[in-house]
Amino acid sequence: MVTFKAVVHSHQRRQDGSYNVKIRITQHRRSIYVPTSVTVRPADLTRSLNIKNPVAAARAAAVVRGMWDAVAGIPPFTLDAMDAEEIAAYIRREQARGAEFRLDFFDWADAVLPTLKREPGTIRGYRAALASFRRYRERVDVNEITAAMLEAWLEGAKGVGANTQRAYLSKLAALYGMARRKYNDEDAGVIRIPRDPFARVKVKPEPSHGQRAFTVAEMQALINEGDGLPWAQRRSLDLFLLSFCLMGMNEADLREAPAPKDGWFVYHRKKTRNHRADRAEMHVRVPAEAAPYLRRLGDPTGRMLLRPLANKSEIWEHLQAYADSRGLERFSMGAARHTWATLARRSGVEKATVDEGLAHKGDFAIADIYIDRDWDIINNANKSVLALFVWPEA
């Protein structure tokens, strides 16, 4: 099995006292040494000549990752039959092939963003991710991006939580993947962007704040809340409870939902409708439990499900104010979605049905082609969740 390791040899100290870091390639107990562009000084090394300087160590690790990426496409038995010299020659060819192709990542992203059919909020997410990455590297070629570079960027993104880091990473990975699909032609053997550094970067999870699922008792307390609240808090809590009644329907979709017809309404989930074949279509039976909230929030013209709402940040602020006034942990609209999914699963609803209730694509892509969706199954799951509570009369 081939191995790659960054090493420093004591007998190769230069006249200025520095050392060149080499990569030892070992295959079948035979090793060769490949020089790198990484230079270290005695202060950067331990007594046993291991690299302790974090910057130099990261650069050497990036070279090693690049070698692993270069050989990743070699079939296992073919790789096992190669010797160390052949592996080194293969890596040189692959890296030279990538080096011949130049594409500024930010120029590419700026050019492709206006062509994407995405919601404005999603495009803003792309731009925010690019702006953050630009603050770390003003210019970067697509083949210069490494896993080590991405990890260093995320590490230096001060004040950005794990969820935002994950969103940033996914947006840049999507743009990087578009470039690979455009400029690589595997059928013709033309691989201009050989590596996928994004696949090797993982963001450490952080505790969820404001998005945890409520217990049955906690939800019942919210449902039981009387009318003595300030008007804005009452309306925001009504919206939260209505979202829960409608299987955790997103605030953005509630704003655009049409008026029900014969007790049902159909909508297309805003977040994913532009890149799903079914346009993320959902059929929702309006439950009786939602009546008090629709009475207060409903559109008097009868055209839409709801009358015009306050903006998202105001709704969030009013929910926080309500939580503070009751000594509760702060929560947002997203908690309605988390709670519905959690309670549905605990009530015995299959995960696939929970996925459908949340308007997710699910894990059964082939089955989805051949099986017509049974909206009664999904809405009966909602009925079983709502039956856990005592609801106010309309």
Foldseek 3Di string as FASTA:
>chain_A
DKDKDWFWDPVQQDPVQKTWIWIWIAAPNDTDTHTDPQIDHPVQADPVRDGNNVVSVLVVVQVRVLLCLQCVPPPPVRVNPDGRVVSVVSSVVSVVLLVVDWDKLVVLCVVCLVVDPADPVLSVLLVVLVVLLCVVPVIDTLQRDALSSLVVSVVPSPPDALVSSVSSLVSSLVSSVVVQVVQADVVVPRGNRRGRRSVVHDGDDDDDAQQAADDLVVVQVLQPDDDPDPPLLVLLSLVLVLCLLQQNQDPVFLQVWWFDDPQKTKDARRRCLVPDPVSLIAITRRDQLSVVSQVVFQDPVRTGSGDDDDDQVSSQVSQQVVCVVVVHRGHHSNNSNNNSLVLLVVLPHDNQLSCVSHSHPDDCVPVVVPDDDDNVSNNVSSVSSVVSYDHDHD
